[in-house]
């Protein structure tokens, strides 16, 4: 079959990536979607069972830091576009092991940029889309918002590695003329998220009557973005975003961590038929992590003004839908927390 485009999505078995892959495979049957993922602890092919047999979908297990492998991949598939999501993304892990974040987020991004630069001698119609985080901007006070012009001020090894990769993508645009576009998003939430992250961790712990660890005083504030809204924004930016530009993607959902946990307790207690507020007694304040940014908030007016995007799911609906999904998919949750999901690749694809 001759495809209109062949698009490489890196990190497509992860949380955000699996939602994006599913959207692209289903919405663009004339596109060949190639999903490249290393399948580390957070990559789960079970998230993509419903599209793995699609004729316009190919999965490849690979490592973006391996230069020869990436050069060969670009030669084999002659990609028209790259949507780069592959990253180490958990702040706590970056504090304990910064080097893995430097290798994946910085070196891996440069390897991909070089593969695109060497392959795309004529870059007309090509696009390299790099997805990043609002954490590169540092920390806000009680007021104000991050815009695309906010100076970078990363505070953790994770955010510093993502800031570095952002700068390198822009450098390849200015130095080599590589057609790039970037976006920086706020905290994503929704189905299929690895349960080290706040919402699935809390839901799972509430379900099992385990302590609910909350850093510091619980007053840290984040903007929360429904993951399917993020996927739709990525789709829009890939197709219509202006080359060389950056777009901030936010959910207009600011929550203090303690308020979010209280709300989740109430929702999950209701769904499980427990006494209202029963699970709030599980909340345990724990020692704060180093360099913890106080507040993030995104001004997403540029993407609304220029591309017509805005979030469709607000907190009340999104939190309930998230809790319902994890409670209805306890087998998935148990397989992920036990590590059993990692056997799926061998069963489905066999060893290379």
Protein backbone atom coordinates (compact mmCIF):
# COMPACT_ATOMS: atom_id res chain seq x y z
CA UNK A 1 0.00 0.00 0.00
CA UNK A 2 1.27 3.46 -0.89
CA UNK A 3 0.92 5.86 2.04
CA UNK A 4 0.58 9.64 1.88
CA UNK A 5 3.03 10.03 4.76
CA UNK A 6 5.23 7.87 6.95
CA UNK A 7 5.51 9.31 10.45
CA UNK A 8 7.86 8.17 13.20
CA UNK A 9 6.45 8.51 16.73
CA UNK A 10 9.11 7.93 19.37
CA UNK A 11 7.98 6.76 22.80
CA UNK A 12 4.68 5.63 21.33
CA UNK A 13 4.14 2.87 23.89
CA UNK A 14 4.26 5.30 26.81
CA UNK A 15 1.38 7.15 28.40
CA UNK A 16 0.99 10.15 26.10
CA UNK A 17 2.48 8.29 23.13
CA UNK A 18 -0.04 5.46 23.18
CA UNK A 19 -2.93 7.93 23.09
CA UNK A 20 -1.30 9.78 20.19
CA UNK A 21 -0.51 6.58 18.25
CA UNK A 22 -4.10 5.39 18.64
CA UNK A 23 -5.43 8.74 17.42
CA UNK A 24 -3.10 8.89 14.41
CA UNK A 25 -3.60 5.27 13.33
CA UNK A 26 -7.39 5.58 13.49
CA UNK A 27 -7.76 9.12 12.15
CA UNK A 28 -5.26 8.86 9.27
CA UNK A 29 -5.57 5.47 7.53
CA UNK A 30 -3.50 6.84 4.63
CA UNK A 31 -0.55 7.52 6.97
CA UNK A 32 1.96 4.84 7.95
CA UNK A 33 2.54 5.28 11.69
CA UNK A 34 5.82 3.78 12.90
CA UNK A 35 5.99 3.49 16.67
CA UNK A 36 9.53 3.32 18.06
CA UNK A 37 9.88 2.51 21.74
CA UNK A 38 12.65 1.07 23.91
CA UNK A 39 10.02 -0.51 26.20
CA UNK A 40 11.55 0.61 29.46
CA UNK A 41 9.47 0.24 32.61
CA UNK A 42 6.92 2.83 31.42
CA UNK A 43 6.46 1.50 27.85
CA UNK A 44 3.56 -0.90 27.59
CA UNK A 45 2.40 -2.45 24.31
CA UNK A 46 -0.76 -3.69 26.00
CA UNK A 47 -1.90 -0.05 25.77
CA UNK A 48 -2.05 -0.48 21.97
CA UNK A 49 -3.75 -3.86 21.56
CA UNK A 50 -6.62 -2.27 19.65
CA UNK A 51 -4.37 -0.95 16.84
CA UNK A 52 -1.53 -3.50 16.67
CA UNK A 53 -3.16 -5.30 13.74
CA UNK A 54 -3.90 -2.14 11.74
CA UNK A 55 -2.39 -2.16 8.22
CA UNK A 56 -1.00 1.36 8.67
CA UNK A 57 0.80 0.61 11.97
CA UNK A 58 4.28 -0.78 12.63
CA UNK A 59 5.96 -1.24 15.99
CA UNK A 60 9.76 -1.27 16.29
CA UNK A 61 11.65 -1.87 19.51
CA UNK A 62 14.62 0.47 19.48
CA UNK A 63 16.77 2.91 21.40
CA UNK A 64 17.00 6.54 20.26
CA UNK A 65 20.53 6.83 21.68
CA UNK A 66 21.88 4.24 19.20
CA UNK A 67 23.13 6.29 16.24
CA UNK A 68 23.63 3.45 13.74
CA UNK A 69 20.21 2.02 14.52
CA UNK A 70 18.48 5.38 14.05
CA UNK A 71 20.35 6.15 10.82
CA UNK A 72 19.28 2.76 9.44
CA UNK A 73 15.69 3.29 10.56
CA UNK A 74 15.49 6.60 8.71
CA UNK A 75 17.01 4.99 5.61
CA UNK A 76 14.56 2.07 5.73
CA UNK A 77 11.39 4.14 6.15
CA UNK A 78 12.26 7.55 4.66
CA UNK A 79 10.09 9.36 7.21
CA UNK A 80 8.13 12.43 6.23
CA UNK A 81 7.80 13.48 9.84
CA UNK A 82 8.96 12.77 13.36
CA UNK A 83 6.89 13.30 16.50
CA UNK A 84 9.41 12.96 19.31
CA UNK A 85 7.91 11.92 22.64
CA UNK A 86 10.54 9.45 23.89
CA UNK A 87 11.95 10.69 27.20
CA UNK A 88 12.72 9.83 30.75
CA UNK A 89 10.11 11.91 32.54
CA UNK A 90 9.89 11.27 36.27
CA UNK A 91 11.47 13.99 38.40
CA UNK A 92 12.17 11.72 41.38
CA UNK A 93 14.02 9.23 39.18
CA UNK A 94 16.08 12.07 37.69
CA UNK A 95 17.24 13.05 41.17
CA UNK A 96 18.44 9.54 41.94
CA UNK A 97 19.89 8.82 38.46
CA UNK A 98 20.52 11.98 36.41
CA UNK A 99 22.74 10.25 33.84
CA UNK A 100 19.93 8.19 32.30
CA UNK A 101 17.99 11.42 31.71
CA UNK A 102 20.99 13.05 30.05
CA UNK A 103 21.52 10.03 27.80
CA UNK A 104 17.90 9.65 26.69
CA UNK A 105 16.63 13.22 26.71
CA UNK A 106 19.72 15.02 25.40
CA UNK A 107 21.85 12.47 23.53
CA UNK A 108 18.80 10.62 22.16
CA UNK A 109 17.30 13.84 20.83
CA UNK A 110 20.55 14.80 19.09
CA UNK A 111 20.81 11.33 17.52
CA UNK A 112 17.31 11.76 16.08
CA UNK A 113 18.03 15.31 14.91
CA UNK A 114 21.15 14.09 13.10
CA UNK A 115 19.29 11.20 11.49
CA UNK A 116 16.68 13.62 10.18
CA UNK A 117 19.27 16.17 9.06
CA UNK A 118 21.33 13.63 7.12
CA UNK A 119 18.31 11.96 5.54
CA UNK A 120 16.33 15.08 4.69
CA UNK A 121 18.63 16.65 2.11
CA UNK A 122 15.53 18.32 0.74
CA UNK A 123 13.50 19.20 3.82
CA UNK A 124 10.49 20.51 1.91
CA UNK A 125 7.34 19.00 3.38
CA UNK A 126 9.23 17.42 6.30
CA UNK A 127 8.69 18.13 9.99
CA UNK A 128 10.49 17.32 13.25
CA UNK A 129 8.12 17.89 16.17
CA UNK A 130 9.68 17.89 19.63
CA UNK A 131 7.39 17.56 22.67
CA UNK A 132 8.58 19.06 25.95
CA UNK A 133 7.36 20.14 29.38
CA UNK A 134 6.42 23.31 31.24
CA UNK A 135 8.99 22.37 33.90
CA UNK A 136 11.74 23.95 31.77
CA UNK A 137 10.41 27.37 32.80
CA UNK A 138 11.14 26.89 36.49
CA UNK A 139 8.74 27.96 39.22
CA UNK A 140 5.99 30.59 39.45
CA UNK A 141 4.79 32.59 42.42
CA UNK A 142 1.15 32.84 43.42
CA UNK A 143 0.28 34.69 40.20
CA UNK A 144 1.30 34.71 36.57
CA UNK A 145 1.59 32.14 33.79
CA UNK A 146 4.24 30.58 31.60
CA UNK A 147 4.18 31.88 28.04
CA UNK A 148 6.26 30.86 25.05
CA UNK A 149 8.55 33.82 25.86
CA UNK A 150 9.17 32.88 29.51
CA UNK A 151 12.93 32.47 30.12
CA UNK A 152 14.10 28.96 30.88
CA UNK A 153 14.99 28.26 34.52
CA UNK A 154 14.99 24.45 35.05
CA UNK A 155 15.37 23.27 38.66
CA UNK A 156 15.70 19.46 38.44
CA UNK A 157 17.90 17.10 36.39
CA UNK A 158 14.75 16.12 34.48
CA UNK A 159 13.75 19.67 33.55
CA UNK A 160 17.36 20.59 32.81
CA UNK A 161 17.66 17.65 30.40
CA UNK A 162 14.43 18.66 28.65
CA UNK A 163 15.54 22.30 28.48
CA UNK A 164 18.79 21.16 26.88
CA UNK A 165 16.93 19.12 24.28
CA UNK A 166 14.63 22.07 23.50
CA UNK A 167 17.63 24.34 22.91
CA UNK A 168 19.25 21.75 20.63
CA UNK A 169 16.11 21.38 18.53
CA UNK A 170 15.98 25.14 18.05
CA UNK A 171 19.71 25.19 17.28
CA UNK A 172 19.20 22.65 14.48
CA UNK A 173 16.46 24.87 13.06
CA UNK A 174 18.66 27.97 13.05
CA UNK A 175 21.94 26.28 12.09
CA UNK A 176 20.85 23.63 9.60
CA UNK A 177 17.40 24.80 8.56
CA UNK A 178 15.80 21.64 9.93
CA UNK A 179 12.00 22.19 9.89
CA UNK A 180 11.13 21.90 13.57
CA UNK A 181 8.19 22.74 15.78
CA UNK A 182 8.01 22.45 19.56
CA UNK A 183 5.43 22.33 22.32
CA UNK A 184 5.60 22.51 26.10
CA UNK A 185 2.76 20.95 28.07
CA UNK A 186 1.51 20.85 31.63
CA UNK A 187 0.88 17.69 33.71
CA UNK A 188 -1.01 15.04 31.76
CA UNK A 189 -3.56 12.72 33.31
CA UNK A 190 -5.98 10.02 32.18
CA UNK A 191 -6.03 6.28 31.32
CA UNK A 192 -2.89 4.14 30.84
CA UNK A 193 -0.53 6.26 32.96
CA UNK A 194 2.26 4.40 34.75
CA UNK A 195 1.32 4.27 38.46
CA UNK A 196 4.41 6.05 39.76
CA UNK A 197 2.65 9.26 38.71
CA UNK A 198 0.47 11.11 41.20
CA UNK A 199 -3.09 10.30 40.07
CA UNK A 200 -2.83 6.55 39.34
CA UNK A 201 -0.63 6.12 42.43
CA UNK A 202 -3.23 7.75 44.64
CA UNK A 203 -6.15 5.89 43.05
CA UNK A 204 -4.40 2.56 43.44
CA UNK A 205 -3.41 3.30 47.04
CA UNK A 206 -6.92 4.44 47.95
CA UNK A 207 -8.29 1.23 46.43
CA UNK A 208 -5.90 -0.83 48.56
CA UNK A 209 -6.17 1.30 51.73
CA UNK A 210 -2.48 2.21 51.58
CA UNK A 211 -0.92 5.51 52.69
CA UNK A 212 -1.26 8.46 50.31
CA UNK A 213 2.16 10.19 50.32
CA UNK A 214 1.99 13.95 49.76
CA UNK A 215 5.20 15.99 49.51
CA UNK A 216 5.85 18.81 51.97
CA UNK A 217 2.78 20.85 52.90
CA UNK A 218 0.77 19.74 49.84
CA UNK A 219 0.46 23.30 48.56
CA UNK A 220 2.39 22.72 45.34
CA UNK A 221 0.27 23.79 42.38
CA UNK A 222 0.09 22.22 38.94
CA UNK A 223 -2.00 22.65 35.80
CA UNK A 224 -3.58 19.35 34.68
CA UNK A 225 -4.15 18.45 31.02
CA UNK A 226 -6.43 15.61 29.91
CA UNK A 227 -4.18 13.32 27.86
CA UNK A 228 -6.58 13.01 24.91
CA UNK A 229 -6.79 16.79 24.70
CA UNK A 230 -3.00 16.81 24.54
CA UNK A 231 -3.01 14.21 21.76
CA UNK A 232 -5.43 16.33 19.73
CA UNK A 233 -3.21 19.38 20.25
CA UNK A 234 -0.15 17.43 19.05
CA UNK A 235 -2.06 16.32 15.96
CA UNK A 236 -3.02 19.93 15.23
CA UNK A 237 0.49 21.32 15.77
CA UNK A 238 2.06 18.61 13.63
CA UNK A 239 -0.22 19.45 10.71
CA UNK A 240 -0.71 23.21 11.09
CA UNK A 241 1.91 24.62 13.45
CA UNK A 242 4.35 27.10 11.96
CA UNK A 243 7.90 25.85 11.46
CA UNK A 244 10.28 27.22 14.06
CA UNK A 245 7.50 28.07 16.50
CA UNK A 246 6.75 26.87 20.02
CA UNK A 247 3.25 26.28 21.42
CA UNK A 248 2.35 25.96 25.11
CA UNK A 249 -0.39 23.40 25.82
CA UNK A 250 -2.28 23.67 29.11
CA UNK A 251 -5.51 22.39 30.58
CA UNK A 252 -6.70 25.50 32.45
CA UNK A 253 -6.96 23.18 35.47
CA UNK A 254 -4.86 24.50 38.36
CA UNK A 255 -4.89 22.35 41.50
CA UNK A 256 -2.92 22.35 44.72
CA UNK A 257 -1.68 18.80 45.29
CA UNK A 258 -3.54 18.38 48.57
CA UNK A 259 -6.80 19.60 47.03
CA UNK A 260 -6.39 17.16 44.16
CA UNK A 261 -5.78 14.27 46.55
CA UNK A 262 -8.82 15.24 48.65
CA UNK A 263 -10.96 15.29 45.51
CA UNK A 264 -9.65 11.89 44.41
CA UNK A 265 -10.35 10.41 47.84
CA UNK A 266 -13.95 11.59 47.66
CA UNK A 267 -14.46 10.35 44.10
CA UNK A 268 -12.92 6.91 44.70
CA UNK A 269 -14.74 6.48 48.02
CA UNK A 270 -18.02 7.21 46.25
CA UNK A 271 -17.23 4.82 43.38
CA UNK A 272 -16.29 2.06 45.85
CA UNK A 273 -19.35 2.65 48.03
CA UNK A 274 -17.34 3.79 51.05
CA UNK A 275 -18.21 6.44 53.61
CA UNK A 276 -17.66 9.96 52.21
CA UNK A 277 -14.17 11.19 53.03
CA UNK A 278 -13.09 7.87 54.53
CA UNK A 279 -9.85 7.69 52.54
CA UNK A 280 -8.67 11.16 53.54
CA UNK A 281 -7.32 9.57 56.71
CA UNK A 282 -4.76 7.75 54.52
CA UNK A 283 -3.02 11.02 53.57
CA UNK A 284 0.55 11.10 54.87
CA UNK A 285 2.76 14.16 54.47
CA UNK A 286 6.30 13.09 53.58
CA UNK A 287 9.67 14.83 53.35
CA UNK A 288 9.76 17.22 50.42
CA UNK A 289 11.89 16.38 47.42
CA UNK A 290 14.90 18.58 46.61
CA UNK A 291 14.31 21.57 44.33
CA UNK A 292 10.52 21.16 44.32
CA UNK A 293 8.98 23.91 42.17
CA UNK A 294 6.09 25.67 43.90
CA UNK A 295 3.72 26.39 41.05
CA UNK A 296 3.33 25.78 37.31
CA UNK A 297 0.62 27.39 35.19
CA UNK A 298 0.42 27.68 31.41
CA UNK A 299 -0.92 30.45 29.24
CA UNK A 300 -2.24 28.49 26.23
CA UNK A 301 -3.68 31.50 24.42
CA UNK A 302 -1.24 31.24 21.48
CA UNK A 303 -2.40 27.78 20.36
CA UNK A 304 -6.02 28.85 20.80
CA UNK A 305 -5.50 32.07 18.87
CA UNK A 306 -3.40 30.64 16.03
CA UNK A 307 -4.65 27.05 15.70
CA UNK A 308 -8.07 27.10 17.36
CA UNK A 309 -7.26 24.52 20.04
CA UNK A 310 -8.50 24.57 23.61
CA UNK A 311 -9.04 21.84 26.21
CA UNK A 312 -12.38 20.04 26.20
CA UNK A 313 -12.19 18.20 29.54
CA UNK A 314 -12.15 20.08 32.84
CA UNK A 315 -11.14 18.76 36.23
CA UNK A 316 -14.48 17.59 37.63
CA UNK A 317 -15.16 15.36 34.64
CA UNK A 318 -11.55 14.38 34.01
CA UNK A 319 -10.80 13.23 37.57
CA UNK A 320 -13.94 11.10 37.68
CA UNK A 321 -13.23 9.55 34.27
CA UNK A 322 -9.66 8.83 35.36
CA UNK A 323 -10.72 7.18 38.62
CA UNK A 324 -13.41 5.14 36.84
CA UNK A 325 -10.91 3.87 34.27
CA UNK A 326 -8.36 2.65 36.83
CA UNK A 327 -11.03 1.04 39.00
CA UNK A 328 -12.51 -0.69 35.95
CA UNK A 329 -9.08 -1.83 34.76
CA UNK A 330 -7.60 -3.26 37.93
CA UNK A 331 -6.09 -6.19 36.00
CA UNK A 332 -4.10 -3.74 33.85
CA UNK A 333 -3.04 -1.87 36.99
CA UNK A 334 -1.94 -5.04 38.75
CA UNK A 335 0.02 -6.24 35.73
CA UNK A 336 1.82 -2.91 35.51
CA UNK A 337 2.63 -2.71 39.22
CA UNK A 338 3.88 -6.31 39.18
CA UNK A 339 5.92 -5.88 36.00
CA UNK A 340 4.00 -8.68 34.25
CA UNK A 341 3.09 -6.36 31.36
CA UNK A 342 6.71 -6.49 30.19
CA UNK A 343 6.17 -10.08 29.05
CA UNK A 344 3.72 -8.90 26.38
CA UNK A 345 6.40 -7.89 23.89
CA UNK A 346 7.97 -11.34 23.91
CA UNK A 347 4.59 -13.01 23.55
CA UNK A 348 3.43 -10.72 20.74
CA UNK A 349 6.62 -10.06 18.78
CA UNK A 350 9.20 -12.57 19.98
CA UNK A 351 12.81 -11.74 20.64
CA UNK A 352 14.69 -9.88 17.94
